[in-house]
Amino acid sequence: MPDTFFTASPHWGWYIVAYFFVGGIAGGCFFIASLLQLFGRPEDRPVIRLAHYAACAGAMVSGALLTLDLTKPFRFWHMLIASNTGEPIFKAWSPMSVGAWGLLLFGGAATLAAAAGLVEEGRLTWRPLRALTRAGPGRLLAVTGGALGLFLAGYTGVLLAVTNRPLWADSPLLGALFLCSAASTGAATLVLLAGRLGRAHSDTVEWLSRFDRGAMLLELVVLVAFVASLGAVARVLVGWWGLVLAVGVVGLGIITPLVLHARGPYGPRRLARAATLVLAGGLLLRMVVIFSSNQIHVTGSGIALP
């Protein structure tokens, strides 16, 4: 156990768990939309718009959750603007500052993409936004927003890794794990929304299902590697949180959806069940990672469990 693990637990609660979960979905949705816009077909447009709407809503909810978690929520703007000068604050060495600006930029890109979708559907007629429906600006927004989506999806894991806490800082794979989970939960969200709203071509839904299956397989590999890389700290997972990880995340959130996908052919109900389980597994993953570290008490250069 390294000597540097001396920080007290931040005691993050449900607001942060929900932020990690919703932010990951939002980033995953925009990234998937970008792939479809850059390499997909005209039939994919309804799902692309749906993904942009989901990303925009997710960015707004994420900002609200972070604000509510603050001790003084009405001072949230201090993360972005200096109160004494009114000038923007960006601290490249501060993960919190980088994350706040990343979320703001992602929210802006998602809002523009969602507005472009409304213009495309004829539900918004503001002329300056029509340029975003053209091929060139649309592709530029797709690349920019997709990159910001990847950042938001993986950033939360990187943020935990630099907090100098047991479990979080014991492995370099936490960012990759959250990134894979975000891709999977983003695809699952789009499958559910497309099924409920009927805004998807069957081929696009099948592509989403294949994408989700690949993301789940990669997530499983990274999760196993993550646990193996924890060393002595992995003993915190021998108990309740280990049971949640094994049964809830791996069993119900990954293995069962993979089995449902493998049974084919794809049917709406089976896809909806699989997608629901994927989302439940993604939420449980973030619960395990955050709450299991919260219960670790640092004692000098070692750790103690309750």
C-alpha atoms as a PDB file:
ATOM      1  CA  MET A   1       0.000   0.000   0.000  1.00  0.00           C
ATOM      2  CA  PRO A   2       1.662   3.309  -1.069  1.00  0.00           C
ATOM      3  CA  ASP A   3       2.450   5.920   1.563  1.00  0.00           C
ATOM      4  CA  THR A   4       0.561   8.606  -0.319  1.00  0.00           C
ATOM      5  CA  PHE A   5      -2.904   7.359   0.617  1.00  0.00           C
ATOM      6  CA  PHE A   6      -3.592   9.808   3.396  1.00  0.00           C
ATOM      7  CA  THR A   7      -6.645  11.785   2.314  1.00  0.00           C
ATOM      8  CA  ALA A   8      -9.961  11.471   4.109  1.00  0.00           C
ATOM      9  CA  SER A   9     -13.001  10.251   2.254  1.00  0.00           C
ATOM     10  CA  PRO A  10     -14.938  13.013   0.450  1.00  0.00           C
ATOM     11  CA  HIS A  11     -18.119  11.200   1.510  1.00  0.00           C
ATOM     12  CA  TRP A  12     -19.714  11.690  -1.869  1.00  0.00           C
ATOM     13  CA  GLY A  13     -23.349  10.689  -1.955  1.00  0.00           C
ATOM     14  CA  TRP A  14     -26.156  10.122  -4.399  1.00  0.00           C
ATOM     15  CA  TYR A  15     -25.793  13.428  -6.231  1.00  0.00           C
ATOM     16  CA  ILE A  16     -22.294  12.457  -7.369  1.00  0.00           C
ATOM     17  CA  VAL A  17     -23.287   8.866  -8.160  1.00  0.00           C
ATOM     18  CA  ALA A  18     -26.147  10.187 -10.284  1.00  0.00           C
ATOM     19  CA  TYR A  19     -23.855  12.747 -11.951  1.00  0.00           C
ATOM     20  CA  PHE A  20     -21.331  10.070 -12.906  1.00  0.00           C
ATOM     21  CA  PHE A  21     -24.141   7.893 -14.252  1.00  0.00           C
ATOM     22  CA  VAL A  22     -26.087  10.564 -16.170  1.00  0.00           C
ATOM     23  CA  GLY A  23     -22.941  12.287 -17.430  1.00  0.00           C
ATOM     24  CA  GLY A  24     -21.638   8.988 -18.757  1.00  0.00           C
ATOM     25  CA  ILE A  25     -24.892   8.333 -20.597  1.00  0.00           C
ATOM     26  CA  ALA A  26     -24.868  11.835 -22.088  1.00  0.00           C
ATOM     27  CA  GLY A  27     -21.287  11.510 -23.293  1.00  0.00           C
ATOM     28  CA  GLY A  28     -21.926   8.024 -24.660  1.00  0.00           C
ATOM     29  CA  CYS A  29     -25.035   9.158 -26.550  1.00  0.00           C
ATOM     30  CA  PHE A  30     -23.215  12.022 -28.258  1.00  0.00           C
ATOM     31  CA  PHE A  31     -20.282   9.802 -29.182  1.00  0.00           C
ATOM     32  CA  ILE A  32     -22.627   7.229 -30.727  1.00  0.00           C
ATOM     33  CA  ALA A  33     -24.461   9.988 -32.595  1.00  0.00           C
ATOM     34  CA  SER A  34     -21.136  11.218 -33.956  1.00  0.00           C
ATOM     35  CA  LEU A  35     -20.228   7.751 -35.240  1.00  0.00           C
ATOM     36  CA  LEU A  36     -23.580   7.451 -36.978  1.00  0.00           C
ATOM     37  CA  GLN A  37     -23.371  10.942 -38.443  1.00  0.00           C
ATOM     38  CA  LEU A  38     -19.848  10.459 -39.766  1.00  0.00           C
ATOM     39  CA  PHE A  39     -20.125   6.859 -40.979  1.00  0.00           C
ATOM     40  CA  GLY A  40     -23.812   6.005 -40.980  1.00  0.00           C
ATOM     41  CA  ARG A  41     -26.670   6.198 -43.470  1.00  0.00           C
ATOM     42  CA  PRO A  42     -29.609   8.575 -43.978  1.00  0.00           C
ATOM     43  CA  GLU A  43     -31.836   6.067 -42.169  1.00  0.00           C
ATOM     44  CA  ASP A  44     -29.843   6.754 -38.993  1.00  0.00           C
ATOM     45  CA  ARG A  45     -30.932  10.396 -38.759  1.00  0.00           C
ATOM     46  CA  PRO A  46     -33.829   9.817 -36.301  1.00  0.00           C
ATOM     47  CA  VAL A  47     -31.522   8.086 -33.824  1.00  0.00           C
ATOM     48  CA  ILE A  48     -28.847  10.756 -34.278  1.00  0.00           C
ATOM     49  CA  ARG A  49     -31.370  13.430 -33.345  1.00  0.00           C
ATOM     50  CA  LEU A  50     -32.628  11.343 -30.452  1.00  0.00           C
ATOM     51  CA  ALA A  51     -29.054  10.903 -29.193  1.00  0.00           C
ATOM     52  CA  HIS A  52     -28.466  14.652 -29.361  1.00  0.00           C
ATOM     53  CA  TYR A  53     -31.641  15.333 -27.387  1.00  0.00           C
ATOM     54  CA  ALA A  54     -30.582  12.789 -24.759  1.00  0.00           C
ATOM     55  CA  ALA A  55     -27.077  14.274 -24.569  1.00  0.00           C
ATOM     56  CA  CYS A  56     -28.468  17.791 -24.130  1.00  0.00           C
ATOM     57  CA  ALA A  57     -30.866  16.693 -21.384  1.00  0.00           C
ATOM     58  CA  GLY A  58     -28.102  14.692 -19.698  1.00  0.00           C
ATOM     59  CA  ALA A  59     -25.737  17.678 -19.702  1.00  0.00           C
ATOM     60  CA  MET A  60     -28.380  19.856 -18.052  1.00  0.00           C
ATOM     61  CA  VAL A  61     -29.168  17.238 -15.409  1.00  0.00           C
ATOM     62  CA  SER A  62     -25.440  16.698 -14.766  1.00  0.00           C
ATOM     63  CA  GLY A  63     -24.905  20.412 -14.179  1.00  0.00           C
ATOM     64  CA  ALA A  64     -27.875  20.517 -11.813  1.00  0.00           C
ATOM     65  CA  LEU A  65     -26.609  17.508  -9.835  1.00  0.00           C
ATOM     66  CA  LEU A  66     -23.134  18.997  -9.426  1.00  0.00           C
ATOM     67  CA  THR A  67     -24.646  22.299  -8.304  1.00  0.00           C
ATOM     68  CA  LEU A  68     -26.905  20.626  -5.741  1.00  0.00           C
ATOM     69  CA  ASP A  69     -23.938  18.724  -4.311  1.00  0.00           C
ATOM     70  CA  LEU A  70     -22.101  21.952  -3.466  1.00  0.00           C
ATOM     71  CA  THR A  71     -22.163  23.206   0.106  1.00  0.00           C
ATOM     72  CA  LYS A  72     -23.371  26.544  -1.246  1.00  0.00           C
ATOM     73  CA  PRO A  73     -25.127  25.732  -4.557  1.00  0.00           C
ATOM     74  CA  PHE A  74     -25.705  29.357  -5.545  1.00  0.00           C
ATOM     75  CA  ARG A  75     -21.961  29.852  -5.810  1.00  0.00           C
ATOM     76  CA  PHE A  76     -21.532  27.241  -8.544  1.00  0.00           C
ATOM     77  CA  TRP A  77     -20.369  29.920 -10.973  1.00  0.00           C
ATOM     78  CA  HIS A  78     -17.216  30.421  -8.864  1.00  0.00           C
ATOM     79  CA  MET A  79     -15.864  27.287 -10.597  1.00  0.00           C
ATOM     80  CA  LEU A  80     -15.884  29.199 -13.868  1.00  0.00           C
ATOM     81  CA  ILE A  81     -15.707  32.911 -13.061  1.00  0.00           C
ATOM     82  CA  ALA A  82     -13.524  34.817 -10.579  1.00  0.00           C
ATOM     83  CA  SER A  83     -15.827  36.584  -8.146  1.00  0.00           C
ATOM     84  CA  ASN A  84     -13.467  39.531  -7.624  1.00  0.00           C
ATOM     85  CA  THR A  85     -12.620  40.250 -11.282  1.00  0.00           C
ATOM     86  CA  GLY A  86     -15.421  38.647 -13.277  1.00  0.00           C
ATOM     87  CA  GLU A  87     -12.846  36.948 -15.518  1.00  0.00           C
ATOM     88  CA  PRO A  88     -13.003  33.285 -16.537  1.00  0.00           C
ATOM     89  CA  ILE A  89     -11.035  30.860 -14.350  1.00  0.00           C
ATOM     90  CA  PHE A  90      -9.323  27.857 -15.895  1.00  0.00           C
ATOM     91  CA  LYS A  91      -6.797  25.876 -13.885  1.00  0.00           C
ATOM     92  CA  ALA A  92      -5.197  23.250 -16.080  1.00  0.00           C
ATOM     93  CA  TRP A  93      -3.650  21.589 -13.018  1.00  0.00           C
ATOM     94  CA  SER A  94      -7.012  21.220 -11.282  1.00  0.00           C
ATOM     95  CA  PRO A  95      -9.172  18.230 -12.276  1.00  0.00           C
ATOM     96  CA  MET A  96     -12.234  20.002 -10.862  1.00  0.00           C
ATOM     97  CA  SER A  97     -11.638  23.097 -13.005  1.00  0.00           C
ATOM     98  CA  VAL A  98     -10.958  21.032 -16.125  1.00  0.00           C
ATOM     99  CA  GLY A  99     -14.094  18.991 -15.473  1.00  0.00           C
ATOM    100  CA  ALA A 100     -16.292  22.046 -14.929  1.00  0.00           C
ATOM    101  CA  TRP A 101     -15.198  23.595 -18.214  1.00  0.00           C
ATOM    102  CA  GLY A 102     -15.435  20.250 -20.000  1.00  0.00           C
ATOM    103  CA  LEU A 103     -19.032  19.843 -18.871  1.00  0.00           C
ATOM    104  CA  LEU A 104     -19.830  23.421 -19.893  1.00  0.00           C
ATOM    105  CA  LEU A 105     -18.346  22.964 -23.381  1.00  0.00           C
ATOM    106  CA  PHE A 106     -20.036  19.609 -23.804  1.00  0.00           C
ATOM    107  CA  GLY A 107     -23.340  21.129 -22.748  1.00  0.00           C
ATOM    108  CA  GLY A 108     -22.897  23.871 -25.346  1.00  0.00           C
ATOM    109  CA  ALA A 109     -22.128  21.370 -28.115  1.00  0.00           C
ATOM    110  CA  ALA A 110     -25.059  19.163 -27.087  1.00  0.00           C
ATOM    111  CA  THR A 111     -27.411  22.146 -27.014  1.00  0.00           C
ATOM    112  CA  LEU A 112     -26.358  23.214 -30.506  1.00  0.00           C
ATOM    113  CA  ALA A 113     -26.753  19.661 -31.812  1.00  0.00           C
ATOM    114  CA  ALA A 114     -30.184  19.339 -30.217  1.00  0.00           C
ATOM    115  CA  ALA A 115     -31.239  22.680 -31.674  1.00  0.00           C
ATOM    116  CA  ALA A 116     -30.049  21.552 -35.109  1.00  0.00           C
ATOM    117  CA  GLY A 117     -32.177  18.434 -34.709  1.00  0.00           C
ATOM    118  CA  LEU A 118     -35.227  20.551 -33.933  1.00  0.00           C
ATOM    119  CA  VAL A 119     -34.547  22.629 -37.044  1.00  0.00           C
ATOM    120  CA  GLU A 120     -34.211  19.465 -39.112  1.00  0.00           C
ATOM    121  CA  GLU A 121     -37.564  18.247 -37.815  1.00  0.00           C
ATOM    122  CA  GLY A 122     -39.182  21.606 -38.534  1.00  0.00           C
ATOM    123  CA  ARG A 123     -39.916  22.287 -34.860  1.00  0.00           C
ATOM    124  CA  LEU A 124     -37.534  25.250 -34.691  1.00  0.00           C
ATOM    125  CA  THR A 125     -37.188  27.869 -37.401  1.00  0.00           C
ATOM    126  CA  TRP A 126     -34.405  30.161 -36.205  1.00  0.00           C
ATOM    127  CA  ARG A 127     -32.376  30.815 -39.353  1.00  0.00           C
ATOM    128  CA  PRO A 128     -28.848  31.021 -37.860  1.00  0.00           C
ATOM    129  CA  LEU A 129     -29.195  27.404 -36.748  1.00  0.00           C
ATOM    130  CA  ARG A 130     -29.925  26.145 -40.237  1.00  0.00           C
ATOM    131  CA  ALA A 131     -26.202  26.145 -41.002  1.00  0.00           C
ATOM    132  CA  LEU A 132     -25.732  23.318 -38.498  1.00  0.00           C
ATOM    133  CA  THR A 133     -27.955  21.064 -40.603  1.00  0.00           C
ATOM    134  CA  ARG A 134     -25.515  21.287 -43.527  1.00  0.00           C
ATOM    135  CA  ALA A 135     -22.907  18.613 -44.069  1.00  0.00           C
ATOM    136  CA  GLY A 136     -19.759  20.616 -43.237  1.00  0.00           C
ATOM    137  CA  PRO A 137     -20.833  22.351 -40.007  1.00  0.00           C
ATOM    138  CA  GLY A 138     -22.750  19.249 -38.945  1.00  0.00           C
ATOM    139  CA  ARG A 139     -19.673  17.051 -39.261  1.00  0.00           C
ATOM    140  CA  LEU A 140     -17.527  19.594 -37.424  1.00  0.00           C
ATOM    141  CA  LEU A 141     -20.028  19.653 -34.564  1.00  0.00           C
ATOM    142  CA  ALA A 142     -20.124  15.850 -34.590  1.00  0.00           C
ATOM    143  CA  VAL A 143     -16.340  15.591 -34.234  1.00  0.00           C
ATOM    144  CA  THR A 144     -16.146  18.289 -31.558  1.00  0.00           C
ATOM    145  CA  GLY A 145     -19.118  17.023 -29.576  1.00  0.00           C
ATOM    146  CA  GLY A 146     -18.027  13.399 -29.910  1.00  0.00           C
ATOM    147  CA  ALA A 147     -14.586  14.247 -28.507  1.00  0.00           C
ATOM    148  CA  LEU A 148     -16.154  16.201 -25.638  1.00  0.00           C
ATOM    149  CA  GLY A 149     -18.507  13.279 -25.033  1.00  0.00           C
ATOM    150  CA  LEU A 150     -15.568  10.903 -24.702  1.00  0.00           C
ATOM    151  CA  PHE A 151     -13.927  13.351 -22.322  1.00  0.00           C
ATOM    152  CA  LEU A 152     -17.010  13.604 -20.126  1.00  0.00           C
ATOM    153  CA  ALA A 153     -17.517   9.836 -20.136  1.00  0.00           C
ATOM    154  CA  GLY A 154     -13.973   9.012 -19.057  1.00  0.00           C
ATOM    155  CA  TYR A 155     -13.154  12.133 -17.048  1.00  0.00           C
ATOM    156  CA  THR A 156     -15.092  11.040 -13.976  1.00  0.00           C
ATOM    157  CA  GLY A 157     -12.915   7.948 -13.632  1.00  0.00           C
ATOM    158  CA  VAL A 158      -9.756  10.032 -14.085  1.00  0.00           C
ATOM    159  CA  LEU A 159     -11.026  12.498 -11.461  1.00  0.00           C
ATOM    160  CA  LEU A 160     -11.365   9.678  -8.945  1.00  0.00           C
ATOM    161  CA  ALA A 161      -7.904   8.369  -9.800  1.00  0.00           C
ATOM    162  CA  VAL A 162      -6.238  11.677  -8.806  1.00  0.00           C
ATOM    163  CA  THR A 163      -8.119  12.089  -5.521  1.00  0.00           C
ATOM    164  CA  ASN A 164      -5.471  10.066  -3.679  1.00  0.00           C
ATOM    165  CA  ARG A 165      -7.966   7.645  -2.176  1.00  0.00           C
ATOM    166  CA  PRO A 166      -7.661   3.868  -1.813  1.00  0.00           C
ATOM    167  CA  LEU A 167      -9.350   1.896  -4.612  1.00  0.00           C
ATOM    168  CA  TRP A 168      -9.709   4.978  -6.816  1.00  0.00           C
ATOM    169  CA  ALA A 169      -5.991   5.706  -7.076  1.00  0.00           C
ATOM    170  CA  ASP A 170      -4.833   2.084  -7.043  1.00  0.00           C
ATOM    171  CA  SER A 171      -5.456   1.424 -10.716  1.00  0.00           C
ATOM    172  CA  PRO A 172      -4.899   3.369 -13.949  1.00  0.00           C
ATOM    173  CA  LEU A 173      -7.940   1.639 -15.495  1.00  0.00           C
ATOM    174  CA  LEU A 174     -10.785   3.485 -13.777  1.00  0.00           C
ATOM    175  CA  GLY A 175     -11.127   6.069 -16.558  1.00  0.00           C
ATOM    176  CA  ALA A 176     -11.193   3.326 -19.199  1.00  0.00           C
ATOM    177  CA  LEU A 177     -13.761   1.367 -17.186  1.00  0.00           C
ATOM    178  CA  PHE A 178     -16.107   4.346 -16.927  1.00  0.00           C
ATOM    179  CA  LEU A 179     -15.585   5.076 -20.621  1.00  0.00           C
ATOM    180  CA  CYS A 180     -16.631   1.553 -21.638  1.00  0.00           C
ATOM    181  CA  SER A 181     -19.592   1.701 -19.286  1.00  0.00           C
ATOM    182  CA  ALA A 182     -20.656   5.064 -20.732  1.00  0.00           C
ATOM    183  CA  ALA A 183     -20.582   3.662 -24.266  1.00  0.00           C
ATOM    184  CA  SER A 184     -22.689   0.700 -23.174  1.00  0.00           C
ATOM    185  CA  THR A 185     -25.236   2.689 -21.141  1.00  0.00           C
ATOM    186  CA  GLY A 186     -25.462   5.319 -23.894  1.00  0.00           C
ATOM    187  CA  ALA A 187     -26.346   2.662 -26.463  1.00  0.00           C
ATOM    188  CA  ALA A 188     -28.820   1.056 -24.056  1.00  0.00           C
ATOM    189  CA  THR A 189     -30.495   4.410 -23.472  1.00  0.00           C
ATOM    190  CA  LEU A 190     -30.916   4.964 -27.201  1.00  0.00           C
ATOM    191  CA  VAL A 191     -32.346   1.466 -27.665  1.00  0.00           C
ATOM    192  CA  LEU A 192     -34.948   2.160 -24.986  1.00  0.00           C
ATOM    193  CA  LEU A 193     -35.806   5.637 -26.268  1.00  0.00           C
ATOM    194  CA  ALA A 194     -36.020   4.473 -29.861  1.00  0.00           C
ATOM    195  CA  GLY A 195     -38.344   1.646 -28.868  1.00  0.00           C
ATOM    196  CA  ARG A 196     -40.602   3.890 -26.802  1.00  0.00           C
ATOM    197  CA  LEU A 197     -40.785   6.756 -29.280  1.00  0.00           C
ATOM    198  CA  GLY A 198     -40.646   4.713 -32.478  1.00  0.00           C
ATOM    199  CA  ARG A 199     -38.002   6.972 -33.982  1.00  0.00           C
ATOM    200  CA  ALA A 200     -35.599   4.451 -35.401  1.00  0.00           C
ATOM    201  CA  HIS A 201     -35.050   2.294 -38.435  1.00  0.00           C
ATOM    202  CA  SER A 202     -34.783  -1.395 -37.546  1.00  0.00           C
ATOM    203  CA  ASP A 203     -31.272  -1.585 -39.014  1.00  0.00           C
ATOM    204  CA  THR A 204     -30.148   1.284 -36.793  1.00  0.00           C
ATOM    205  CA  VAL A 205     -31.534  -0.419 -33.694  1.00  0.00           C
ATOM    206  CA  GLU A 206     -29.735  -3.621 -34.656  1.00  0.00           C
ATOM    207  CA  TRP A 207     -26.495  -1.635 -35.066  1.00  0.00           C
ATOM    208  CA  LEU A 208     -27.012  -0.099 -31.620  1.00  0.00           C
ATOM    209  CA  SER A 209     -27.467  -3.563 -30.176  1.00  0.00           C
ATOM    210  CA  ARG A 210     -24.259  -4.810 -31.762  1.00  0.00           C
ATOM    211  CA  PHE A 211     -22.423  -1.732 -30.546  1.00  0.00           C
ATOM    212  CA  ASP A 212     -23.741  -2.281 -27.032  1.00  0.00           C
ATOM    213  CA  ARG A 213     -22.695  -5.928 -27.109  1.00  0.00           C
ATOM    214  CA  GLY A 214     -19.155  -4.974 -28.086  1.00  0.00           C
ATOM    215  CA  ALA A 215     -19.019  -2.259 -25.417  1.00  0.00           C
ATOM    216  CA  MET A 216     -20.208  -4.716 -22.760  1.00  0.00           C
ATOM    217  CA  LEU A 217     -17.570  -7.285 -23.714  1.00  0.00           C
ATOM    218  CA  LEU A 218     -14.847  -4.642 -23.545  1.00  0.00           C
ATOM    219  CA  GLU A 219     -16.242  -3.369 -20.235  1.00  0.00           C
ATOM    220  CA  LEU A 220     -16.094  -6.878 -18.790  1.00  0.00           C
ATOM    221  CA  VAL A 221     -12.450  -7.281 -19.806  1.00  0.00           C
ATOM    222  CA  VAL A 222     -11.490  -3.884 -18.367  1.00  0.00           C
ATOM    223  CA  LEU A 223     -13.464  -4.555 -15.164  1.00  0.00           C
ATOM    224  CA  VAL A 224     -11.625  -7.825 -14.552  1.00  0.00           C
ATOM    225  CA  ALA A 225      -8.300  -6.104 -15.226  1.00  0.00           C
ATOM    226  CA  PHE A 226      -9.296  -3.235 -12.914  1.00  0.00           C
ATOM    227  CA  VAL A 227     -10.071  -5.537  -9.981  1.00  0.00           C
ATOM    228  CA  ALA A 228      -6.890  -7.550 -10.609  1.00  0.00           C
ATOM    229  CA  SER A 229      -4.807  -4.363 -10.579  1.00  0.00           C
ATOM    230  CA  LEU A 230      -6.065  -3.196  -7.178  1.00  0.00           C
ATOM    231  CA  GLY A 231      -3.692  -5.384  -5.210  1.00  0.00           C
ATOM    232  CA  ALA A 232      -4.294  -5.492  -1.452  1.00  0.00           C
ATOM    233  CA  VAL A 233      -7.067  -2.895  -1.616  1.00  0.00           C
ATOM    234  CA  ALA A 234      -9.231  -5.390  -3.517  1.00  0.00           C
ATOM    235  CA  ARG A 235     -10.108  -6.917  -0.157  1.00  0.00           C
ATOM    236  CA  VAL A 236     -12.644  -4.115   0.288  1.00  0.00           C
ATOM    237  CA  LEU A 237     -14.637  -5.951  -2.387  1.00  0.00           C
ATOM    238  CA  VAL A 238     -14.773  -9.109  -0.269  1.00  0.00           C
ATOM    239  CA  GLY A 239     -18.162  -8.508   1.268  1.00  0.00           C
ATOM    240  CA  TRP A 240     -21.282  -6.565   0.416  1.00  0.00           C
ATOM    241  CA  TRP A 241     -19.794  -4.390  -2.318  1.00  0.00           C
ATOM    242  CA  GLY A 242     -18.094  -7.371  -3.895  1.00  0.00           C
ATOM    243  CA  LEU A 243     -21.452  -9.129  -4.009  1.00  0.00           C
ATOM    244  CA  VAL A 244     -23.057  -6.114  -5.671  1.00  0.00           C
ATOM    245  CA  LEU A 245     -20.202  -5.990  -8.178  1.00  0.00           C
ATOM    246  CA  ALA A 246     -20.338  -9.697  -8.999  1.00  0.00           C
ATOM    247  CA  VAL A 247     -24.103 -10.196  -9.038  1.00  0.00           C
ATOM    248  CA  GLY A 248     -25.433  -6.740  -9.936  1.00  0.00           C
ATOM    249  CA  VAL A 249     -22.802  -5.326 -12.278  1.00  0.00           C
ATOM    250  CA  VAL A 250     -21.302  -8.437 -13.876  1.00  0.00           C
ATOM    251  CA  GLY A 251     -24.158 -10.922 -13.584  1.00  0.00           C
ATOM    252  CA  LEU A 252     -27.228  -8.783 -14.238  1.00  0.00           C
ATOM    253  CA  GLY A 253     -25.644  -5.777 -15.940  1.00  0.00           C
ATOM    254  CA  ILE A 254     -23.292  -7.515 -18.384  1.00  0.00           C
ATOM    255  CA  ILE A 255     -23.639 -11.311 -18.594  1.00  0.00           C
ATOM    256  CA  THR A 256     -27.449 -11.454 -18.689  1.00  0.00           C
ATOM    257  CA  PRO A 257     -27.787  -8.779 -21.423  1.00  0.00           C
ATOM    258  CA  LEU A 258     -25.110 -10.566 -23.453  1.00  0.00           C
ATOM    259  CA  VAL A 259     -27.085 -13.807 -23.149  1.00  0.00           C
ATOM    260  CA  LEU A 260     -30.272 -12.031 -24.221  1.00  0.00           C
ATOM    261  CA  HIS A 261     -28.451 -10.601 -27.238  1.00  0.00           C
ATOM    262  CA  ALA A 262     -26.990 -13.973 -28.145  1.00  0.00           C
ATOM    263  CA  ARG A 263     -30.366 -15.713 -28.139  1.00  0.00           C
ATOM    264  CA  GLY A 264     -31.625 -13.612 -31.108  1.00  0.00           C
ATOM    265  CA  PRO A 265     -33.392 -12.712 -33.267  1.00  0.00           C
ATOM    266  CA  TYR A 266     -33.671  -9.186 -31.979  1.00  0.00           C
ATOM    267  CA  GLY A 267     -37.133  -8.431 -30.627  1.00  0.00           C
ATOM    268  CA  PRO A 268     -38.331  -5.170 -29.043  1.00  0.00           C
ATOM    269  CA  ARG A 269     -39.105  -6.702 -25.664  1.00  0.00           C
ATOM    270  CA  ARG A 270     -35.859  -8.626 -25.437  1.00  0.00           C
ATOM    271  CA  LEU A 271     -33.855  -5.564 -26.437  1.00  0.00           C
ATOM    272  CA  ALA A 272     -35.709  -3.444 -23.880  1.00  0.00           C
ATOM    273  CA  ARG A 273     -35.019  -5.970 -21.096  1.00  0.00           C
ATOM    274  CA  ALA A 274     -31.350  -6.143 -22.019  1.00  0.00           C
ATOM    275  CA  ALA A 275     -31.039  -2.347 -22.199  1.00  0.00           C
ATOM    276  CA  THR A 276     -32.748  -1.920 -18.814  1.00  0.00           C
ATOM    277  CA  LEU A 277     -30.332  -4.367 -17.204  1.00  0.00           C
ATOM    278  CA  VAL A 278     -27.369  -2.574 -18.789  1.00  0.00           C
ATOM    279  CA  LEU A 279     -28.507   0.719 -17.273  1.00  0.00           C
ATOM    280  CA  ALA A 280     -29.001  -0.880 -13.870  1.00  0.00           C
ATOM    281  CA  GLY A 281     -25.502  -2.373 -14.067  1.00  0.00           C
ATOM    282  CA  GLY A 282     -23.999   0.980 -15.013  1.00  0.00           C
ATOM    283  CA  LEU A 283     -25.581   2.663 -12.001  1.00  0.00           C
ATOM    284  CA  LEU A 284     -24.484  -0.134  -9.665  1.00  0.00           C
ATOM    285  CA  LEU A 285     -20.917   0.077 -10.990  1.00  0.00           C
ATOM    286  CA  ARG A 286     -20.650   3.713  -9.957  1.00  0.00           C
ATOM    287  CA  MET A 287     -22.249   2.960  -6.604  1.00  0.00           C
ATOM    288  CA  VAL A 288     -19.691   0.238  -5.890  1.00  0.00           C
ATOM    289  CA  VAL A 289     -16.713   2.356  -6.924  1.00  0.00           C
ATOM    290  CA  ILE A 290     -17.735   5.427  -4.915  1.00  0.00           C
ATOM    291  CA  PHE A 291     -19.303   3.943  -1.811  1.00  0.00           C
ATOM    292  CA  SER A 292     -16.780   1.137  -1.316  1.00  0.00           C
ATOM    293  CA  SER A 293     -13.938   3.668  -1.149  1.00  0.00           C
ATOM    294  CA  ASN A 294     -15.945   5.921   1.158  1.00  0.00           C
ATOM    295  CA  GLN A 295     -15.936   3.178   3.802  1.00  0.00           C
ATOM    296  CA  ILE A 296     -12.142   2.841   3.816  1.00  0.00           C
ATOM    297  CA  HIS A 297     -10.466   4.617   6.728  1.00  0.00           C
ATOM    298  CA  VAL A 298      -6.876   5.707   6.194  1.00  0.00           C
ATOM    299  CA  THR A 299      -4.489   4.900   9.039  1.00  0.00           C
ATOM    300  CA  GLY A 300      -1.024   6.237   8.369  1.00  0.00           C
ATOM    301  CA  SER A 301       0.392   4.387   5.397  1.00  0.00           C
ATOM    302  CA  GLY A 302      -2.225   1.645   5.587  1.00  0.00           C
ATOM    303  CA  ILE A 303      -5.968   1.253   5.463  1.00  0.00           C
ATOM    304  CA  ALA A 304      -8.616  -0.079   7.788  1.00  0.00           C
ATOM    305  CA  LEU A 305     -12.087  -1.320   6.959  1.00  0.00           C
ATOM    306  CA  PRO A 306     -15.090  -0.785   9.223  1.00  0.00           C
END
